[in-house]
Amino acid sequence: MGWATSHPPDPAGVATCIQCGLCLPSCPTFRLTGREDQSPRGRLTAMAAVADGAELDDTVAHILDTCLGCRACEAACPSMVPYGELIEAARVETAAVSGSRVRRSLLSNVLPSKGLLGTASLAARVAQGLGSWVVPGSLRTGFEGLRPLAGRPDRFKGGTWEPEGEAVATVGLLTGCVMDEWFRTVHEATVAVLVAAGYRVVAPEEQTCCGALSAHDGDRDTALDLAERNAPVFEGFDFIVSNSAGCGAHLEGYGHLVDGGESVADRSLDVNELVARSIADGRLPAFEGAELVAMQDPCHLRHAQRVVDEPRAVVRAAGYEPVEIDPAGICCGAAGTYSILHPGTSEELGRRKADQVRSSKAAIVASANPGCELQLRAHLAGDARVAHPVELYAESLSASGYRPGR
């Protein structure tokens, strides 16, 4: 049979692969297994076969479902195969075969809902008081990686923050769903630094979940709905900033999803880009220091958005010495819901990443994505602090007593 929906992977995109194999060393699942069907080339071959009429059965669904979606293969590909778009389109097809209705319902209904996500966060806070033994095994790694929820700031959605003097530009801040519930201190740091740099920051009340996790999981309808709701909300801003790598990469794809989303995609920046630019322009100071910080590159920052130098510039300006732990930028194994769906692979990749951090001798590791932080915190088990690069810079800025114009 052919593809079951009207939005299959683009055959022209699949045909772009020249089967050279240069992507294989960059693929985490191929590195772990050495199996062709666990490589980008093997998965593209499976997509092409189904598009040509082969049956989409459980075996093919498993081949596609076990991809982390890290997009490291895109950076290595000489033919520029749009693998990220292709794997997401393929998962629209495999979702019906691989029995993902329960997790799709979770993504479709809980994440975009302030009330339901808030209830889930309350349950997590209670569980933190009782201990991880109350959490089902499939969720335990993510739970153990949560920041303490007690004493966190109030909900962050909605607000405007003005700089001293005339604003350089107006920034729309994507607060998101998971970031807003579990990483509000990252939002606080983001606002503090951008305002100090002279930006007017607005977090629109009407915004919702960006839809990245739904798109990654094959729930295209929900991803489209969320994009259609968000695109008009972010009209009129000079920049649209995200401090979550996965969200930022998805915003850059809005132009491919909905009419009007192109303007969102064109103006989207990761917060590290805007902060690094402000430091280079002299609107933010640079501090000196020698404490080591291990740099962990979220896949959707390094491979999808190609943002590599900027987080290092922010950490260095915060007064730290960035330390490289993995020049290849192999995935940490978090990958959205992957740690729940494929715990064995996720666990092994998480353990390897934590060992790289420990080998660096750094007491701090910088990561700019919530899923990566959850994975790192869980596997490091307190051996190193995990923080967003902009959090580190905001702390140094606050400690210095810096005020614009001084």
Protein backbone atom coordinates (compact mmCIF):
# COMPACT_ATOMS: atom_id res chain seq x y z
CA MET A 1 0.00 0.00 0.00
CA GLY A 2 1.07 3.62 -0.39
CA TRP A 3 1.21 6.39 2.17
CA ALA A 4 -2.00 6.61 4.16
CA THR A 5 -2.38 10.39 4.30
CA SER A 6 -2.12 13.36 1.98
CA HIS A 7 1.14 14.50 3.59
CA PRO A 8 3.71 11.73 3.03
CA PRO A 9 7.45 12.37 2.91
CA ASP A 10 8.24 14.24 -0.29
CA PRO A 11 9.55 11.64 -2.79
CA ALA A 12 11.84 14.28 -4.30
CA GLY A 13 13.34 14.91 -0.88
CA VAL A 14 13.85 11.19 -0.27
CA ALA A 15 15.45 10.84 -3.72
CA THR A 16 17.99 13.52 -2.84
CA CYS A 17 19.92 10.90 -0.83
CA ILE A 18 22.83 9.60 -2.93
CA GLN A 19 23.51 6.69 -0.54
CA CYS A 20 27.07 7.89 0.15
CA GLY A 21 27.00 6.91 3.81
CA LEU A 22 28.70 10.06 5.10
CA CYS A 23 25.83 10.42 7.56
CA LEU A 24 26.48 7.08 9.29
CA PRO A 25 29.16 8.21 11.79
CA SER A 26 26.96 11.10 12.91
CA CYS A 27 23.91 8.93 13.67
CA PRO A 28 23.58 7.94 17.35
CA THR A 29 21.54 4.79 16.72
CA PHE A 30 23.93 3.58 14.01
CA ARG A 31 26.90 4.21 16.32
CA LEU A 32 25.23 2.12 19.01
CA THR A 33 24.09 -0.77 16.81
CA GLY A 34 26.17 -0.71 13.61
CA ARG A 35 22.97 -1.65 11.75
CA GLU A 36 22.05 -0.14 8.39
CA ASP A 37 18.35 -0.05 9.28
CA GLN A 38 19.25 2.12 12.26
CA SER A 39 20.94 4.76 10.09
CA PRO A 40 19.58 7.75 8.14
CA ARG A 41 20.42 5.99 4.87
CA GLY A 42 18.53 2.90 5.95
CA ARG A 43 15.53 4.90 7.10
CA LEU A 44 15.40 6.86 3.84
CA THR A 45 15.50 3.54 1.98
CA ALA A 46 12.52 2.38 4.04
CA MET A 47 10.64 5.60 3.26
CA ALA A 48 11.33 5.19 -0.45
CA ALA A 49 10.17 1.57 -0.42
CA VAL A 50 6.86 2.40 1.24
CA ALA A 51 6.33 5.34 -1.10
CA ASP A 52 6.79 2.89 -3.98
CA GLY A 53 4.06 0.61 -2.63
CA ALA A 54 5.71 -1.60 -0.02
CA GLU A 55 3.58 -2.38 3.02
CA LEU A 56 3.93 -0.06 6.01
CA ASP A 57 4.09 -2.75 8.70
CA ASP A 58 5.41 -2.91 12.26
CA THR A 59 8.96 -3.62 11.08
CA VAL A 60 9.13 -0.51 8.91
CA ALA A 61 7.38 1.53 11.59
CA HIS A 62 10.02 0.45 14.13
CA ILE A 63 12.86 1.44 11.79
CA LEU A 64 11.43 4.96 11.52
CA ASP A 65 10.20 5.24 15.10
CA THR A 66 13.62 4.52 16.62
CA CYS A 67 15.15 7.60 15.00
CA LEU A 68 16.00 10.24 17.60
CA GLY A 69 15.27 13.05 15.16
CA CYS A 70 18.54 14.73 16.17
CA ARG A 71 19.21 15.85 12.57
CA ALA A 72 22.97 15.37 12.90
CA CYS A 73 22.79 13.65 9.53
CA GLU A 74 21.66 16.93 7.94
CA ALA A 75 24.86 18.67 8.96
CA ALA A 76 26.93 15.81 7.51
CA CYS A 77 24.99 15.37 4.26
CA PRO A 78 26.64 16.70 1.07
CA SER A 79 23.28 16.52 -0.78
CA MET A 80 21.43 18.53 1.88
CA VAL A 81 18.69 15.93 2.32
CA PRO A 82 15.89 17.60 4.36
CA TYR A 83 15.86 14.69 6.78
CA GLY A 84 14.07 16.52 9.62
CA GLU A 85 11.05 17.28 7.44
CA LEU A 86 11.06 13.77 5.99
CA ILE A 87 11.14 11.91 9.30
CA GLU A 88 8.34 14.04 10.74
CA ALA A 89 6.21 13.37 7.64
CA ALA A 90 6.98 9.66 7.87
CA ARG A 91 5.84 9.58 11.48
CA VAL A 92 2.42 10.85 10.45
CA GLU A 93 2.20 7.52 8.63
CA THR A 94 3.80 5.28 11.25
CA ALA A 95 1.75 6.70 14.11
CA ALA A 96 -1.26 4.60 13.08
CA VAL A 97 0.89 1.46 12.88
CA SER A 98 3.10 1.90 15.95
CA GLY A 99 0.27 2.31 18.46
CA SER A 100 1.05 5.85 19.60
CA ARG A 101 -2.52 6.99 20.32
CA VAL A 102 -1.95 7.32 24.07
CA ARG A 103 1.18 9.47 23.86
CA ARG A 104 -0.30 11.51 20.99
CA SER A 105 -3.32 12.22 23.20
CA LEU A 106 -0.93 13.33 25.94
CA LEU A 107 0.90 15.71 23.61
CA SER A 108 -2.28 16.99 21.96
CA ASN A 109 -4.25 17.67 25.13
CA VAL A 110 -1.87 18.24 28.04
CA LEU A 111 0.97 20.39 26.71
CA PRO A 112 -1.16 23.11 25.05
CA SER A 113 -3.46 23.28 28.10
CA LYS A 114 -2.37 25.56 30.93
CA GLY A 115 -4.73 23.80 33.32
CA LEU A 116 -3.78 20.21 32.53
CA LEU A 117 -0.05 20.93 32.39
CA GLY A 118 -0.35 22.83 35.67
CA THR A 119 -2.07 19.81 37.22
CA ALA A 120 0.70 17.56 35.96
CA SER A 121 3.28 19.92 37.45
CA LEU A 122 1.46 19.89 40.80
CA ALA A 123 1.56 16.10 40.76
CA ALA A 124 5.30 16.22 39.97
CA ARG A 125 5.87 18.63 42.84
CA VAL A 126 4.07 16.28 45.25
CA ALA A 127 6.10 13.36 43.90
CA GLN A 128 9.33 15.30 44.48
CA GLY A 129 8.38 15.48 48.14
CA LEU A 130 7.67 11.76 48.32
CA GLY A 131 10.58 10.48 46.23
CA SER A 132 11.05 9.01 42.76
CA TRP A 133 9.79 5.58 43.88
CA VAL A 134 6.21 6.82 43.31
CA VAL A 135 6.91 7.53 39.62
CA PRO A 136 6.47 4.80 36.97
CA GLY A 137 9.76 3.47 35.66
CA SER A 138 9.23 4.77 32.11
CA LEU A 139 8.94 8.33 33.45
CA ARG A 140 11.55 8.15 36.18
CA THR A 141 14.56 9.45 34.28
CA GLY A 142 12.77 12.61 33.22
CA PHE A 143 11.33 13.07 36.70
CA GLU A 144 14.72 12.72 38.37
CA GLY A 145 16.05 15.40 36.01
CA LEU A 146 13.43 17.99 37.01
CA ARG A 147 14.52 21.13 38.78
CA PRO A 148 12.98 21.52 42.25
CA LEU A 149 9.46 22.82 41.68
CA ALA A 150 8.91 24.19 45.18
CA GLY A 151 9.59 27.92 45.39
CA ARG A 152 9.69 28.44 41.63
CA PRO A 153 8.52 31.78 40.17
CA ASP A 154 4.88 32.36 39.31
CA ARG A 155 3.63 31.48 35.85
CA PHE A 156 5.46 33.53 33.28
CA LYS A 157 3.01 33.77 30.36
CA GLY A 158 2.05 37.35 29.64
CA GLY A 159 4.01 40.50 30.39
CA THR A 160 6.06 43.43 29.06
CA TRP A 161 9.48 44.53 30.30
CA GLU A 162 10.95 47.90 29.34
CA PRO A 163 14.67 48.79 29.14
CA GLU A 164 16.20 51.96 30.52
CA GLY A 165 16.04 54.54 27.76
CA GLU A 166 14.90 53.98 24.20
CA ALA A 167 14.53 50.35 23.17
CA VAL A 168 16.93 48.94 20.58
CA ALA A 169 14.14 46.69 19.30
CA THR A 170 11.09 44.80 20.55
CA VAL A 171 11.41 41.09 21.20
CA GLY A 172 8.55 38.60 21.39
CA LEU A 173 9.45 35.86 23.90
CA LEU A 174 8.16 32.35 23.28
CA THR A 175 7.46 31.05 26.77
CA GLY A 176 6.20 27.69 25.55
CA CYS A 177 4.68 24.90 27.61
CA VAL A 178 7.37 22.82 29.33
CA MET A 179 9.67 25.84 29.64
CA ASP A 180 6.93 27.89 31.24
CA GLU A 181 6.02 25.21 33.78
CA TRP A 182 9.40 23.77 34.72
CA PHE A 183 12.07 26.28 33.64
CA ARG A 184 10.68 29.68 34.57
CA THR A 185 14.01 30.81 36.00
CA VAL A 186 15.43 30.53 32.47
CA HIS A 187 12.70 32.95 31.35
CA GLU A 188 13.63 35.31 34.20
CA ALA A 189 17.28 35.23 33.13
CA THR A 190 16.33 35.76 29.49
CA VAL A 191 14.26 38.85 30.27
CA ALA A 192 16.87 40.32 32.63
CA VAL A 193 19.68 39.98 30.08
CA LEU A 194 17.72 41.20 27.07
CA VAL A 195 16.37 44.23 28.97
CA ALA A 196 19.92 45.05 30.12
CA ALA A 197 20.95 44.88 26.47
CA GLY A 198 18.34 47.51 25.62
CA TYR A 199 15.52 45.36 24.27
CA ARG A 200 11.83 45.73 25.05
CA VAL A 201 10.61 42.21 25.84
CA VAL A 202 7.01 41.08 25.42
CA ALA A 203 5.62 37.65 26.33
CA PRO A 204 2.22 37.56 24.58
CA GLU A 205 -0.55 36.16 26.76
CA GLU A 206 -2.28 34.55 23.75
CA GLN A 207 0.61 32.28 22.82
CA THR A 208 0.52 28.53 23.28
CA CYS A 209 2.77 25.46 22.92
CA CYS A 210 4.82 25.76 19.72
CA GLY A 211 3.87 22.24 18.59
CA ALA A 212 7.38 20.81 18.26
CA LEU A 213 6.77 17.66 20.29
CA SER A 214 3.54 16.93 18.42
CA ALA A 215 5.33 17.34 15.09
CA HIS A 216 8.18 15.07 16.15
CA ASP A 217 5.67 12.41 17.21
CA GLY A 218 3.64 12.38 14.00
CA ASP A 219 0.64 14.35 15.24
CA ARG A 220 0.61 16.77 12.33
CA ASP A 221 -2.91 18.03 12.95
CA THR A 222 -2.06 19.29 16.43
CA ALA A 223 1.25 20.77 15.25
CA LEU A 224 -0.56 22.67 12.49
CA ASP A 225 -3.26 23.91 14.84
CA LEU A 226 -0.72 25.24 17.32
CA ALA A 227 1.32 26.92 14.57
CA GLU A 228 -1.81 28.57 13.18
CA ARG A 229 -2.63 29.89 16.65
CA ASN A 230 0.88 31.19 17.33
CA ALA A 231 1.78 32.77 13.99
CA PRO A 232 -0.54 35.81 14.25
CA VAL A 233 0.32 36.28 17.94
CA PHE A 234 3.95 36.97 17.06
CA GLU A 235 3.32 39.42 14.24
CA GLY A 236 4.82 42.89 14.67
CA PHE A 237 7.89 41.99 16.74
CA ASP A 238 11.39 42.76 15.49
CA PHE A 239 12.61 39.40 16.78
CA ILE A 240 10.96 36.27 18.13
CA VAL A 241 13.20 34.66 20.74
CA SER A 242 13.18 31.16 22.18
CA ASN A 243 15.40 29.81 24.95
CA SER A 244 14.55 26.18 24.13
CA ALA A 245 16.50 24.70 21.22
CA GLY A 246 13.70 22.37 20.17
CA CYS A 247 11.14 25.18 20.15
CA GLY A 248 13.46 27.49 18.24
CA ALA A 249 14.09 24.92 15.51
CA HIS A 250 10.35 24.34 15.18
CA LEU A 251 9.63 28.08 14.92
CA GLU A 252 12.05 28.23 12.00
CA GLY A 253 9.83 25.65 10.30
CA TYR A 254 6.61 27.64 10.68
CA GLY A 255 7.05 28.94 7.15
CA HIS A 256 6.62 25.39 5.86
CA LEU A 257 3.58 24.74 8.03
CA VAL A 258 1.14 27.64 7.75
CA ASP A 259 0.42 30.74 5.70
CA GLY A 260 1.91 33.70 7.52
CA GLY A 261 4.37 31.49 9.34
CA GLU A 262 7.16 32.55 7.02
CA SER A 263 7.50 35.88 8.81
CA VAL A 264 7.79 34.07 12.14
CA ALA A 265 10.49 31.81 10.74
CA ASP A 266 12.44 34.75 9.30
CA ARG A 267 12.51 36.64 12.61
CA SER A 268 13.14 33.71 14.96
CA LEU A 269 16.37 33.61 16.95
CA ASP A 270 17.72 31.50 19.76
CA VAL A 271 18.35 33.69 22.79
CA ASN A 272 22.06 32.84 22.67
CA GLU A 273 22.28 34.49 19.25
CA LEU A 274 20.78 37.76 20.43
CA VAL A 275 22.81 37.85 23.66
CA ALA A 276 26.07 37.03 21.87
CA ARG A 277 25.30 39.77 19.35
CA SER A 278 24.68 42.26 22.18
CA ILE A 279 27.99 41.32 23.82
CA ALA A 280 29.87 41.72 20.53
CA ASP A 281 28.20 45.10 19.93
CA GLY A 282 29.26 46.34 23.37
CA ARG A 283 25.74 46.67 24.75
CA LEU A 284 26.49 43.98 27.32
CA PRO A 285 29.76 43.59 29.24
CA ALA A 286 32.13 40.63 29.27
CA PHE A 287 33.50 39.31 32.57
CA GLU A 288 36.70 37.45 33.28
CA GLY A 289 37.10 34.12 35.00
CA ALA A 290 38.64 30.67 34.69
CA GLU A 291 36.08 28.22 36.11
CA LEU A 292 35.38 25.41 33.63
CA VAL A 293 31.97 24.92 32.05
CA ALA A 294 31.31 21.81 29.95
CA MET A 295 29.45 22.68 26.75
CA GLN A 296 26.63 20.32 25.77
CA ASP A 297 25.16 21.08 22.35
CA PRO A 298 21.42 20.39 22.05
CA CYS A 299 20.84 18.71 18.70
CA HIS A 300 18.21 21.18 17.54
CA LEU A 301 20.55 24.05 18.31
CA ARG A 302 23.73 22.62 16.78
CA HIS A 303 22.42 20.53 13.88
CA ALA A 304 19.05 22.10 13.04
CA GLN A 305 19.70 25.81 13.72
CA ARG A 306 23.49 25.57 13.25
CA VAL A 307 24.04 27.70 16.37
CA VAL A 308 27.36 26.58 17.88
CA ASP A 309 29.64 29.54 18.57
CA GLU A 310 27.09 31.77 20.30
CA PRO A 311 26.47 29.70 23.47
CA ARG A 312 30.23 29.50 23.94
CA ALA A 313 30.54 33.27 23.52
CA VAL A 314 27.84 33.80 26.15
CA VAL A 315 29.47 31.41 28.62
CA ARG A 316 32.90 32.97 28.05
CA ALA A 317 31.49 36.48 28.54
CA ALA A 318 29.89 35.28 31.78
CA GLY A 319 33.42 34.71 33.12
CA TYR A 320 33.84 30.99 32.49
CA GLU A 321 36.10 28.85 30.34
CA PRO A 322 34.07 26.68 27.92
CA VAL A 323 35.26 23.08 27.68
CA GLU A 324 34.44 20.87 24.71
CA ILE A 325 33.19 17.41 25.65
CA ASP A 326 31.98 16.04 22.31
CA PRO A 327 33.16 17.67 19.05
CA ALA A 328 30.72 15.49 17.09
CA GLY A 329 27.73 16.73 19.08
CA ILE A 330 26.16 13.28 19.49
CA CYS A 331 22.62 13.31 20.91
CA CYS A 332 22.24 12.95 24.68
CA GLY A 333 19.27 10.61 24.18
CA ALA A 334 16.50 12.85 25.49
CA ALA A 335 14.83 13.70 22.15
CA GLY A 336 11.41 14.72 23.45
CA THR A 337 9.39 11.61 24.30
CA TYR A 338 12.16 9.26 23.12
CA SER A 339 13.34 8.49 26.65
CA ILE A 340 9.85 7.13 27.41
CA LEU A 341 9.37 5.23 24.15
CA HIS A 342 12.90 3.79 23.83
CA PRO A 343 14.39 3.84 27.34
CA GLY A 344 17.26 1.47 26.58
CA THR A 345 18.79 3.58 23.82
CA SER A 346 18.06 6.80 25.70
CA GLU A 347 19.68 5.46 28.87
CA GLU A 348 22.88 4.44 27.08
CA LEU A 349 23.24 7.78 25.30
CA GLY A 350 22.51 9.66 28.52
CA ARG A 351 25.11 7.67 30.41
CA ARG A 352 27.74 8.36 27.75
CA LYS A 353 27.00 12.08 27.77
CA ALA A 354 27.21 12.23 31.57
CA ASP A 355 30.55 10.40 31.46
CA GLN A 356 31.84 13.01 28.99
CA VAL A 357 30.87 15.77 31.41
CA ARG A 358 32.58 14.02 34.33
CA SER A 359 35.74 13.51 32.26
CA SER A 360 35.91 17.26 31.64
CA LYS A 361 36.34 17.92 35.40
CA ALA A 362 33.87 20.81 35.06
CA ALA A 363 31.52 21.46 37.95
CA ILE A 364 28.97 23.11 35.62
CA VAL A 365 27.54 21.98 32.29
CA ALA A 366 25.75 24.46 29.99
CA SER A 367 22.80 23.27 27.95
CA ALA A 368 20.17 25.31 26.10
CA ASN A 369 17.30 22.82 25.88
CA PRO A 370 14.93 21.53 28.58
CA GLY A 371 14.94 17.89 27.46
CA CYS A 372 18.73 17.81 27.46
CA GLU A 373 18.82 19.32 30.93
CA LEU A 374 16.41 16.70 32.26
CA GLN A 375 18.59 13.96 30.76
CA LEU A 376 21.85 15.45 32.04
CA ARG A 377 20.58 16.12 35.55
CA ALA A 378 19.21 12.60 35.86
CA HIS A 379 22.40 10.89 34.68
CA LEU A 380 24.86 13.20 36.43
CA ALA A 381 23.06 12.63 39.73
CA GLY A 382 24.45 15.79 41.30
CA ASP A 383 28.02 15.46 40.00
CA ALA A 384 27.69 18.76 38.12
CA ARG A 385 25.25 21.65 38.00
CA VAL A 386 23.26 21.98 34.77
CA ALA A 387 22.32 25.52 33.68
CA HIS A 388 21.28 27.43 30.58
CA PRO A 389 24.11 29.60 29.17
CA VAL A 390 21.98 32.72 29.60
CA GLU A 391 21.35 31.83 33.24
CA LEU A 392 25.09 31.80 33.84
CA TYR A 393 25.45 35.16 32.14
CA ALA A 394 22.49 36.65 34.07
CA GLU A 395 24.08 35.57 37.36
CA SER A 396 27.36 37.28 36.49
CA LEU A 397 25.51 40.37 35.31
CA SER A 398 23.55 40.57 38.57
CA ALA A 399 26.61 39.97 40.75
CA SER A 400 28.48 42.79 38.99
CA GLY A 401 25.74 45.32 39.69
CA TYR A 402 25.79 46.28 36.03
CA ARG A 403 23.35 48.91 34.83
CA PRO A 404 23.05 50.06 31.20
CA GLY A 405 24.87 53.33 30.54
CA ARG A 406 27.34 52.99 33.42
